[in-house]
N, C-alpha and C. Protein backbone atom coordinates (compact mmCIF):
# COMPACT_ATOMS: atom_id res chain seq x y z
N MET A 1 172.90 54.28 51.23
CA MET A 1 171.94 54.88 50.33
C MET A 1 172.65 55.87 49.40
N LYS A 2 172.34 55.80 48.12
CA LYS A 2 172.96 56.69 47.15
C LYS A 2 172.23 58.03 47.12
N GLU A 3 173.02 59.11 47.10
CA GLU A 3 172.44 60.45 47.01
C GLU A 3 172.19 60.79 45.55
N PRO A 4 171.06 61.45 45.22
CA PRO A 4 170.76 61.77 43.83
C PRO A 4 171.51 63.00 43.33
N TYR A 5 172.18 62.84 42.19
CA TYR A 5 172.89 63.93 41.51
C TYR A 5 172.49 63.91 40.05
N PHE A 6 172.64 65.05 39.40
CA PHE A 6 172.45 65.11 37.95
C PHE A 6 173.72 65.64 37.32
N PHE A 7 173.92 65.26 36.06
CA PHE A 7 175.07 65.74 35.29
C PHE A 7 174.58 66.82 34.34
N GLY A 8 175.11 68.03 34.47
CA GLY A 8 174.79 69.14 33.57
C GLY A 8 175.91 69.34 32.58
N TYR A 9 175.57 69.60 31.32
CA TYR A 9 176.58 69.69 30.25
C TYR A 9 176.43 70.95 29.42
N GLY A 10 175.61 71.89 29.86
CA GLY A 10 175.39 73.14 29.13
C GLY A 10 175.36 74.31 30.10
N SER A 11 174.21 74.97 30.19
CA SER A 11 174.10 76.15 31.04
C SER A 11 174.27 75.82 32.52
N LEU A 12 174.00 74.57 32.92
CA LEU A 12 174.14 74.20 34.33
C LEU A 12 175.59 74.20 34.79
N VAL A 13 176.54 74.24 33.86
CA VAL A 13 177.95 74.36 34.23
C VAL A 13 178.20 75.76 34.79
N ASN A 14 177.40 76.73 34.36
CA ASN A 14 177.54 78.11 34.83
C ASN A 14 176.77 78.25 36.14
N THR A 15 177.49 78.21 37.26
CA THR A 15 176.83 78.23 38.56
C THR A 15 176.17 79.57 38.88
N ALA A 16 176.38 80.59 38.07
CA ALA A 16 175.66 81.85 38.26
C ALA A 16 174.19 81.70 37.84
N THR A 17 173.85 80.61 37.15
CA THR A 17 172.48 80.43 36.67
C THR A 17 171.61 79.59 37.59
N HIS A 18 172.19 79.07 38.68
CA HIS A 18 171.40 78.21 39.56
C HIS A 18 172.03 78.17 40.94
N ASP A 19 171.31 77.58 41.87
CA ASP A 19 171.84 77.41 43.23
C ASP A 19 171.75 75.95 43.68
N PHE A 20 171.90 75.02 42.74
CA PHE A 20 171.86 73.61 43.09
C PHE A 20 173.04 73.28 44.01
N PRO A 21 172.80 72.47 45.04
CA PRO A 21 173.86 72.19 46.01
C PRO A 21 174.96 71.27 45.48
N ASP A 22 176.15 71.50 46.03
CA ASP A 22 177.32 70.66 45.79
C ASP A 22 177.72 70.51 44.32
N PRO A 23 177.77 71.64 43.57
CA PRO A 23 178.20 71.51 42.17
C PRO A 23 179.71 71.27 42.09
N GLN A 24 180.10 70.39 41.20
CA GLN A 24 181.52 70.13 41.01
C GLN A 24 181.79 69.52 39.63
N PRO A 25 182.98 69.77 39.10
CA PRO A 25 183.32 69.26 37.77
C PRO A 25 183.25 67.74 37.71
N ALA A 26 182.86 67.24 36.54
CA ALA A 26 182.76 65.81 36.30
C ALA A 26 182.88 65.58 34.79
N SER A 27 182.92 64.34 34.38
CA SER A 27 182.89 64.02 32.95
C SER A 27 181.96 62.84 32.72
N LEU A 28 181.40 62.79 31.52
CA LEU A 28 180.43 61.77 31.14
C LEU A 28 180.93 61.03 29.91
N ARG A 29 181.17 59.73 30.05
CA ARG A 29 181.64 58.89 28.93
C ARG A 29 180.45 58.33 28.15
N GLY A 30 180.64 58.21 26.84
CA GLY A 30 179.62 57.59 26.00
C GLY A 30 178.55 58.53 25.50
N TRP A 31 178.76 59.83 25.65
CA TRP A 31 177.81 60.84 25.20
C TRP A 31 178.56 62.01 24.60
N ARG A 32 177.88 62.73 23.70
CA ARG A 32 178.37 64.01 23.23
C ARG A 32 177.20 64.97 23.20
N ARG A 33 177.49 66.25 23.06
CA ARG A 33 176.43 67.27 23.01
C ARG A 33 176.07 67.57 21.57
N ALA A 34 174.85 68.08 21.38
CA ALA A 34 174.42 68.52 20.05
C ALA A 34 173.41 69.64 20.20
N TRP A 35 173.48 70.60 19.27
CA TRP A 35 172.45 71.63 19.18
C TRP A 35 171.28 71.02 18.42
N ARG A 36 170.12 71.04 19.04
CA ARG A 36 168.93 70.45 18.42
C ARG A 36 167.71 71.31 18.69
N HIS A 37 166.77 71.19 17.79
CA HIS A 37 165.46 71.79 17.99
C HIS A 37 164.49 70.65 18.26
N THR A 38 163.46 70.94 19.01
CA THR A 38 162.38 69.99 19.25
C THR A 38 161.08 70.76 19.18
N ASP A 39 160.02 70.07 18.87
CA ASP A 39 158.72 70.74 18.80
C ASP A 39 158.24 71.22 20.16
N LEU A 40 158.98 70.92 21.21
CA LEU A 40 158.60 71.34 22.55
C LEU A 40 159.03 72.76 22.90
N ARG A 41 159.93 73.33 22.09
CA ARG A 41 160.44 74.68 22.37
C ARG A 41 160.60 75.45 21.06
N PRO A 42 160.50 76.78 21.12
CA PRO A 42 160.61 77.57 19.89
C PRO A 42 162.03 77.75 19.37
N VAL A 43 163.03 77.59 20.24
CA VAL A 43 164.43 77.76 19.82
C VAL A 43 165.19 76.46 20.05
N ALA A 44 166.34 76.37 19.44
CA ALA A 44 167.19 75.18 19.60
C ALA A 44 167.98 75.29 20.91
N PHE A 45 168.39 74.15 21.42
CA PHE A 45 169.14 74.12 22.65
C PHE A 45 170.01 72.87 22.66
N LEU A 46 170.78 72.69 23.72
CA LEU A 46 171.68 71.54 23.81
C LEU A 46 170.95 70.31 24.29
N THR A 47 171.38 69.18 23.77
CA THR A 47 170.98 67.89 24.31
C THR A 47 172.21 66.99 24.29
N ALA A 48 172.13 65.92 25.04
CA ALA A 48 173.18 64.90 25.02
C ALA A 48 172.69 63.75 24.15
N ILE A 49 173.59 63.25 23.32
CA ILE A 49 173.24 62.11 22.47
C ILE A 49 174.27 61.00 22.68
N PRO A 50 173.83 59.75 22.70
CA PRO A 50 174.78 58.65 22.90
C PRO A 50 175.83 58.61 21.80
N ASP A 51 177.07 58.40 22.22
CA ASP A 51 178.20 58.24 21.31
C ASP A 51 179.27 57.47 22.08
N PRO A 52 179.38 56.15 21.80
CA PRO A 52 180.27 55.31 22.60
C PRO A 52 181.71 55.79 22.68
N GLY A 53 182.20 56.50 21.68
CA GLY A 53 183.60 56.93 21.68
C GLY A 53 183.83 58.31 22.26
N ALA A 54 182.80 58.97 22.75
CA ALA A 54 182.93 60.37 23.19
C ALA A 54 182.97 60.48 24.71
N GLU A 55 183.42 61.63 25.15
CA GLU A 55 183.38 61.99 26.57
C GLU A 55 183.24 63.50 26.65
N ILE A 56 182.36 63.98 27.54
CA ILE A 56 182.14 65.42 27.67
C ILE A 56 182.37 65.85 29.12
N ASP A 57 182.87 67.06 29.26
CA ASP A 57 183.01 67.69 30.57
C ASP A 57 181.68 68.30 30.97
N GLY A 58 181.48 68.44 32.25
CA GLY A 58 180.28 69.09 32.76
C GLY A 58 180.37 69.23 34.26
N MET A 59 179.21 69.38 34.89
CA MET A 59 179.14 69.52 36.34
C MET A 59 178.09 68.55 36.87
N ILE A 60 178.36 68.00 38.03
CA ILE A 60 177.31 67.30 38.74
C ILE A 60 176.86 68.20 39.88
N ALA A 61 175.63 68.03 40.29
CA ALA A 61 175.09 68.75 41.45
C ALA A 61 174.03 67.88 42.08
N HIS A 62 173.83 68.11 43.36
CA HIS A 62 172.86 67.34 44.12
C HIS A 62 171.45 67.74 43.71
N VAL A 63 170.58 66.76 43.57
CA VAL A 63 169.17 67.04 43.24
C VAL A 63 168.55 67.71 44.46
N PRO A 64 168.02 68.92 44.29
CA PRO A 64 167.48 69.67 45.42
C PRO A 64 166.39 68.88 46.17
N GLY A 65 166.57 68.76 47.48
CA GLY A 65 165.59 68.07 48.30
C GLY A 65 165.42 66.60 47.96
N ASP A 66 166.40 66.02 47.25
CA ASP A 66 166.32 64.63 46.80
C ASP A 66 165.05 64.38 45.97
N ASP A 67 164.55 65.40 45.31
CA ASP A 67 163.25 65.34 44.64
C ASP A 67 163.42 65.31 43.12
N TRP A 68 163.55 64.09 42.58
CA TRP A 68 163.69 63.95 41.12
C TRP A 68 162.47 64.52 40.41
N GLN A 69 161.28 64.36 40.98
CA GLN A 69 160.07 64.82 40.31
C GLN A 69 160.11 66.33 40.05
N ALA A 70 160.56 67.09 41.03
CA ALA A 70 160.65 68.54 40.85
C ALA A 70 161.67 68.89 39.77
N LEU A 71 162.80 68.18 39.75
CA LEU A 71 163.81 68.45 38.73
C LEU A 71 163.30 68.00 37.36
N ASP A 72 162.58 66.88 37.31
CA ASP A 72 161.98 66.43 36.05
C ASP A 72 161.04 67.50 35.49
N GLU A 73 160.30 68.17 36.35
CA GLU A 73 159.39 69.23 35.89
C GLU A 73 160.17 70.40 35.32
N ARG A 74 161.30 70.76 35.96
CA ARG A 74 162.13 71.85 35.45
C ARG A 74 162.71 71.49 34.09
N GLU A 75 163.09 70.23 33.93
CA GLU A 75 163.71 69.74 32.69
C GLU A 75 162.68 69.02 31.82
N TRP A 76 161.51 69.55 31.73
CA TRP A 76 160.35 68.89 31.11
C TRP A 76 160.54 68.50 29.65
N ALA A 77 161.42 69.13 28.92
CA ALA A 77 161.61 68.77 27.51
C ALA A 77 162.58 67.60 27.34
N TYR A 78 163.12 67.11 28.42
CA TYR A 78 164.12 66.05 28.39
C TYR A 78 163.61 64.80 29.09
N ASP A 79 164.22 63.66 28.75
CA ASP A 79 164.05 62.44 29.52
C ASP A 79 165.22 62.34 30.49
N ARG A 80 164.96 61.82 31.66
CA ARG A 80 166.04 61.56 32.63
C ARG A 80 166.58 60.16 32.37
N VAL A 81 167.91 60.07 32.15
CA VAL A 81 168.56 58.82 31.80
C VAL A 81 169.61 58.50 32.87
N THR A 82 169.57 57.31 33.41
CA THR A 82 170.57 56.90 34.40
C THR A 82 171.95 56.90 33.76
N ALA A 83 172.92 57.51 34.45
CA ALA A 83 174.27 57.61 33.91
C ALA A 83 175.33 57.37 34.97
N THR A 84 174.96 56.81 36.10
CA THR A 84 175.87 56.66 37.24
C THR A 84 177.21 56.07 36.84
N GLN A 85 177.20 54.98 36.11
CA GLN A 85 178.44 54.28 35.77
C GLN A 85 179.28 55.02 34.74
N ALA A 86 178.68 55.96 34.01
CA ALA A 86 179.39 56.67 32.95
C ALA A 86 180.01 57.98 33.42
N VAL A 87 179.74 58.38 34.67
CA VAL A 87 180.21 59.68 35.17
C VAL A 87 181.44 59.50 36.05
N SER A 88 182.50 60.25 35.73
CA SER A 88 183.69 60.31 36.58
C SER A 88 183.59 61.58 37.42
N HIS A 89 183.79 61.44 38.72
CA HIS A 89 183.63 62.57 39.64
C HIS A 89 184.51 62.35 40.86
N ARG A 90 184.51 63.32 41.77
CA ARG A 90 185.34 63.25 42.97
C ARG A 90 184.53 63.06 44.24
N LEU A 91 183.27 62.70 44.13
CA LEU A 91 182.46 62.50 45.33
C LEU A 91 183.05 61.40 46.19
N LYS A 92 182.96 61.56 47.49
CA LYS A 92 183.47 60.56 48.43
C LYS A 92 182.35 59.64 48.93
N HIS A 93 181.11 59.89 48.50
CA HIS A 93 179.97 59.08 48.93
C HIS A 93 179.25 58.53 47.69
N PRO A 94 178.49 57.45 47.85
CA PRO A 94 177.76 56.87 46.71
C PRO A 94 176.71 57.83 46.17
N ALA A 95 176.58 57.86 44.86
CA ALA A 95 175.61 58.74 44.22
C ALA A 95 174.90 58.02 43.09
N GLU A 96 173.66 58.39 42.91
CA GLU A 96 172.87 57.98 41.74
C GLU A 96 172.88 59.19 40.83
N ILE A 97 173.43 59.05 39.62
CA ILE A 97 173.60 60.20 38.73
C ILE A 97 172.80 59.98 37.45
N ALA A 98 172.10 61.02 37.04
CA ALA A 98 171.32 60.98 35.80
C ALA A 98 171.73 62.14 34.91
N VAL A 99 171.48 61.97 33.63
CA VAL A 99 171.67 63.03 32.64
C VAL A 99 170.33 63.23 31.96
N TYR A 100 170.05 64.47 31.60
CA TYR A 100 168.80 64.77 30.88
C TYR A 100 169.11 64.90 29.40
N ALA A 101 168.31 64.20 28.57
CA ALA A 101 168.52 64.20 27.12
C ALA A 101 167.16 64.22 26.41
N VAL A 102 167.10 64.95 25.33
CA VAL A 102 165.88 64.98 24.52
C VAL A 102 165.74 63.64 23.81
N PRO A 103 164.56 63.02 23.85
CA PRO A 103 164.38 61.75 23.15
C PRO A 103 164.74 61.89 21.66
N ALA A 104 165.48 60.93 21.13
CA ALA A 104 165.96 61.01 19.74
C ALA A 104 164.82 61.22 18.75
N ALA A 105 163.67 60.67 18.99
CA ALA A 105 162.54 60.80 18.07
C ALA A 105 162.02 62.23 17.99
N ARG A 106 162.40 63.08 18.94
CA ARG A 106 161.92 64.47 18.95
C ARG A 106 162.96 65.45 18.41
N HIS A 107 164.13 64.96 18.02
CA HIS A 107 165.20 65.84 17.51
C HIS A 107 164.89 66.32 16.10
N SER A 108 165.21 67.56 15.86
CA SER A 108 165.34 68.07 14.50
C SER A 108 166.50 69.06 14.53
N PHE A 109 166.99 69.42 13.37
CA PHE A 109 168.12 70.33 13.32
C PHE A 109 167.64 71.77 13.45
N PRO A 110 168.43 72.61 14.11
CA PRO A 110 168.07 74.02 14.20
C PRO A 110 167.99 74.65 12.81
N THR A 111 167.17 75.67 12.69
CA THR A 111 166.98 76.40 11.44
C THR A 111 166.94 77.89 11.74
N ALA A 112 166.86 78.70 10.70
CA ALA A 112 166.71 80.15 10.92
C ALA A 112 165.43 80.45 11.70
N ARG A 113 164.42 79.62 11.51
CA ARG A 113 163.16 79.81 12.24
C ARG A 113 163.27 79.33 13.68
N HIS A 114 164.14 78.37 13.93
CA HIS A 114 164.36 77.79 15.26
C HIS A 114 165.86 77.79 15.57
N PRO A 115 166.43 78.99 15.78
CA PRO A 115 167.89 79.09 15.95
C PRO A 115 168.33 78.82 17.39
N VAL A 116 169.63 78.75 17.55
CA VAL A 116 170.27 78.77 18.87
C VAL A 116 170.37 80.25 19.25
N LEU A 117 170.15 80.56 20.52
CA LEU A 117 170.28 81.95 20.99
C LEU A 117 171.73 82.22 21.41
N LEU A 118 172.27 83.35 20.96
CA LEU A 118 173.63 83.71 21.36
C LEU A 118 173.70 83.93 22.87
N SER A 119 172.65 84.44 23.48
CA SER A 119 172.65 84.64 24.94
C SER A 119 172.79 83.31 25.67
N TYR A 120 172.29 82.23 25.08
CA TYR A 120 172.44 80.88 25.65
C TYR A 120 173.87 80.40 25.47
N VAL A 121 174.41 80.57 24.26
CA VAL A 121 175.80 80.18 24.01
C VAL A 121 176.72 80.94 24.97
N ASP A 122 176.47 82.24 25.16
CA ASP A 122 177.29 83.04 26.08
C ASP A 122 177.32 82.44 27.48
N VAL A 123 176.14 82.08 28.00
CA VAL A 123 176.05 81.51 29.35
C VAL A 123 176.83 80.21 29.44
N VAL A 124 176.65 79.36 28.45
CA VAL A 124 177.33 78.06 28.46
C VAL A 124 178.84 78.25 28.41
N LEU A 125 179.33 79.03 27.46
CA LEU A 125 180.78 79.19 27.31
C LEU A 125 181.39 79.94 28.49
N GLN A 126 180.65 80.88 29.08
CA GLN A 126 181.13 81.56 30.28
C GLN A 126 181.32 80.54 31.41
N GLY A 127 180.36 79.64 31.56
CA GLY A 127 180.47 78.61 32.59
C GLY A 127 181.67 77.72 32.36
N TYR A 128 181.87 77.27 31.12
CA TYR A 128 183.02 76.40 30.82
C TYR A 128 184.33 77.14 31.03
N LEU A 129 184.38 78.42 30.67
CA LEU A 129 185.59 79.20 30.88
C LEU A 129 185.92 79.29 32.37
N ARG A 130 184.92 79.58 33.18
CA ARG A 130 185.15 79.77 34.61
C ARG A 130 185.48 78.47 35.34
N VAL A 131 185.00 77.36 34.85
CA VAL A 131 185.26 76.07 35.52
C VAL A 131 186.47 75.36 34.92
N PHE A 132 186.56 75.35 33.59
CA PHE A 132 187.57 74.53 32.91
C PHE A 132 188.63 75.35 32.16
N GLY A 133 188.51 76.69 32.15
CA GLY A 133 189.47 77.53 31.45
C GLY A 133 189.26 77.53 29.94
N GLU A 134 190.14 78.19 29.23
CA GLU A 134 190.02 78.28 27.77
C GLU A 134 190.08 76.90 27.11
N ALA A 135 190.88 76.00 27.67
CA ALA A 135 190.94 74.64 27.12
C ALA A 135 189.58 73.96 27.26
N GLY A 136 188.84 74.30 28.30
CA GLY A 136 187.50 73.74 28.49
C GLY A 136 186.52 74.22 27.43
N ILE A 137 186.65 75.48 27.02
CA ILE A 137 185.83 75.99 25.93
C ILE A 137 186.16 75.22 24.65
N ASP A 138 187.43 75.02 24.40
CA ASP A 138 187.84 74.30 23.19
C ASP A 138 187.31 72.87 23.19
N ARG A 139 187.38 72.18 24.34
CA ARG A 139 186.83 70.82 24.44
C ARG A 139 185.32 70.83 24.25
N PHE A 140 184.65 71.85 24.82
CA PHE A 140 183.20 71.97 24.64
C PHE A 140 182.86 72.06 23.15
N ILE A 141 183.54 72.94 22.45
CA ILE A 141 183.29 73.13 21.02
C ILE A 141 183.56 71.83 20.26
N ASP A 142 184.67 71.17 20.57
CA ASP A 142 185.04 69.94 19.86
C ASP A 142 184.08 68.78 20.12
N THR A 143 183.41 68.77 21.26
CA THR A 143 182.53 67.65 21.62
C THR A 143 181.05 68.03 21.51
N THR A 144 180.78 69.05 20.71
CA THR A 144 179.40 69.49 20.47
C THR A 144 179.15 69.54 18.97
N ASP A 145 178.09 68.88 18.53
CA ASP A 145 177.71 68.87 17.12
C ASP A 145 176.73 70.00 16.84
N GLY A 146 176.72 70.46 15.59
CA GLY A 146 175.70 71.40 15.15
C GLY A 146 176.14 72.85 15.09
N TRP A 147 177.45 73.10 15.03
CA TRP A 147 177.91 74.49 14.97
C TRP A 147 177.61 75.13 13.62
N ASP A 148 177.12 74.36 12.66
CA ASP A 148 176.76 74.92 11.37
C ASP A 148 175.34 75.52 11.40
N THR A 149 174.71 75.51 12.54
CA THR A 149 173.37 76.04 12.71
C THR A 149 173.40 77.56 12.86
N PRO A 150 172.34 78.25 12.49
CA PRO A 150 172.32 79.70 12.72
C PRO A 150 172.22 80.02 14.22
N ILE A 151 172.97 81.03 14.63
CA ILE A 151 172.92 81.50 16.01
C ILE A 151 172.40 82.93 15.98
N LEU A 152 171.27 83.13 16.66
CA LEU A 152 170.60 84.43 16.67
C LEU A 152 171.27 85.36 17.67
N ASP A 153 171.73 86.52 17.20
CA ASP A 153 172.36 87.52 18.07
C ASP A 153 171.28 88.26 18.85
N ASP A 154 171.04 87.81 20.06
CA ASP A 154 170.04 88.44 20.94
C ASP A 154 170.71 89.10 22.14
N ARG A 155 172.00 89.41 22.04
CA ARG A 155 172.72 90.00 23.18
C ARG A 155 172.11 91.32 23.64
N ALA A 156 171.65 92.16 22.72
CA ALA A 156 171.09 93.46 23.11
C ALA A 156 169.82 93.29 23.94
N GLU A 157 169.03 92.27 23.62
CA GLU A 157 167.80 91.96 24.36
C GLU A 157 167.75 90.44 24.54
N PRO A 158 168.48 89.92 25.52
CA PRO A 158 168.59 88.47 25.69
C PRO A 158 167.24 87.78 25.88
N ARG A 159 167.04 86.73 25.11
CA ARG A 159 165.82 85.93 25.22
C ARG A 159 166.01 84.72 26.11
N TYR A 160 167.25 84.33 26.35
CA TYR A 160 167.51 83.19 27.23
C TYR A 160 167.19 83.62 28.66
N PRO A 161 166.30 82.91 29.35
CA PRO A 161 165.83 83.38 30.66
C PRO A 161 166.89 83.45 31.75
N ARG A 162 167.97 82.69 31.64
CA ARG A 162 169.02 82.72 32.66
C ARG A 162 170.30 83.37 32.12
N HIS A 163 170.13 84.30 31.19
CA HIS A 163 171.32 84.94 30.60
C HIS A 163 172.14 85.63 31.69
N GLN A 164 173.42 85.78 31.41
CA GLN A 164 174.36 86.43 32.33
C GLN A 164 175.17 87.44 31.55
N PRO A 165 175.49 88.57 32.17
CA PRO A 165 176.37 89.52 31.47
C PRO A 165 177.78 88.94 31.36
N LEU A 166 178.40 89.16 30.23
CA LEU A 166 179.78 88.75 30.02
C LEU A 166 180.68 89.96 30.22
N THR A 167 181.89 89.72 30.70
CA THR A 167 182.87 90.80 30.74
C THR A 167 183.29 91.09 29.29
N ARG A 168 183.97 92.17 29.10
CA ARG A 168 184.48 92.51 27.76
C ARG A 168 185.41 91.41 27.25
N ASP A 169 186.29 90.91 28.14
CA ASP A 169 187.22 89.84 27.74
C ASP A 169 186.48 88.55 27.41
N GLU A 170 185.45 88.22 28.20
CA GLU A 170 184.67 87.01 27.92
C GLU A 170 183.95 87.13 26.58
N THR A 171 183.38 88.30 26.30
CA THR A 171 182.70 88.52 25.02
C THR A 171 183.67 88.35 23.86
N ALA A 172 184.85 88.96 23.99
CA ALA A 172 185.86 88.85 22.93
C ALA A 172 186.28 87.40 22.73
N LEU A 173 186.45 86.66 23.81
CA LEU A 173 186.85 85.26 23.72
C LEU A 173 185.78 84.42 23.05
N VAL A 174 184.52 84.58 23.46
CA VAL A 174 183.42 83.84 22.85
C VAL A 174 183.34 84.16 21.36
N ASP A 175 183.37 85.44 21.03
CA ASP A 175 183.28 85.85 19.62
C ASP A 175 184.42 85.26 18.79
N ALA A 176 185.62 85.27 19.35
CA ALA A 176 186.78 84.74 18.62
C ALA A 176 186.66 83.23 18.40
N ARG A 177 186.21 82.50 19.43
CA ARG A 177 186.06 81.05 19.28
C ARG A 177 184.98 80.71 18.26
N LEU A 178 183.87 81.44 18.28
CA LEU A 178 182.80 81.18 17.32
C LEU A 178 183.24 81.52 15.90
N ALA A 179 183.96 82.64 15.74
CA ALA A 179 184.46 83.02 14.41
C ALA A 179 185.45 81.97 13.89
N ALA A 180 186.28 81.44 14.77
CA ALA A 180 187.31 80.48 14.36
C ALA A 180 186.70 79.19 13.79
N ILE A 181 185.49 78.85 14.22
CA ILE A 181 184.86 77.62 13.68
C ILE A 181 183.80 77.95 12.65
N GLY A 182 183.72 79.23 12.25
CA GLY A 182 182.84 79.61 11.16
C GLY A 182 181.36 79.67 11.51
N VAL A 183 181.05 79.93 12.77
CA VAL A 183 179.64 80.03 13.18
C VAL A 183 178.98 81.20 12.46
N ARG A 184 177.75 80.97 12.02
CA ARG A 184 176.97 82.01 11.33
C ARG A 184 176.05 82.70 12.33
N ILE A 185 176.38 83.97 12.66
CA ILE A 185 175.56 84.77 13.57
C ILE A 185 174.54 85.52 12.70
N VAL A 186 173.27 85.41 13.08
CA VAL A 186 172.21 86.08 12.32
C VAL A 186 171.52 87.11 13.20
N GLN A 187 170.97 88.11 12.55
CA GLN A 187 170.21 89.15 13.24
C GLN A 187 168.73 88.82 13.17
N GLU A 188 168.00 89.26 14.16
CA GLU A 188 166.55 89.02 14.17
C GLU A 188 165.91 89.76 13.00
N VAL A 189 164.98 89.11 12.36
CA VAL A 189 164.28 89.74 11.23
C VAL A 189 162.90 90.19 11.63
């Protein structure tokens, strides 16, 4: 019997944001990440989009209680897509692996009215730094579309519900990487 796992490619890489069992690094072939807005949420967030030539790093973790329905409810803005054959991992037992992705028909590009939250970017990049090192942050940036979107500086009052404090060095690293790719940080109006 295959055990149920999911592939996380954003904030779920940061294990300080969850307690899902058996998290471990993995990669997903045939997909890339993108910053997108959907009418289901007020701000933009990450989704996975099919791309046959791409591969992204992330984490797999066991579905709590083997209960896909409960996880589907948590990830309500996404569709669950089977990805077992596309995931490379180190598990020693058979697994059924899925990735959550926003349906393409619901995608729109982030805007000043529907920006990406800097507190969300911080959590994601902190997770990649801690699991994959600085090279992991660079791969994350290279395999994610939409960096030309506005990013709302909400660090003083984080709006992302699972935000995490960054160390001074982590903050400097995130800021430097975002500046290097020309990200536009905006202030709340």
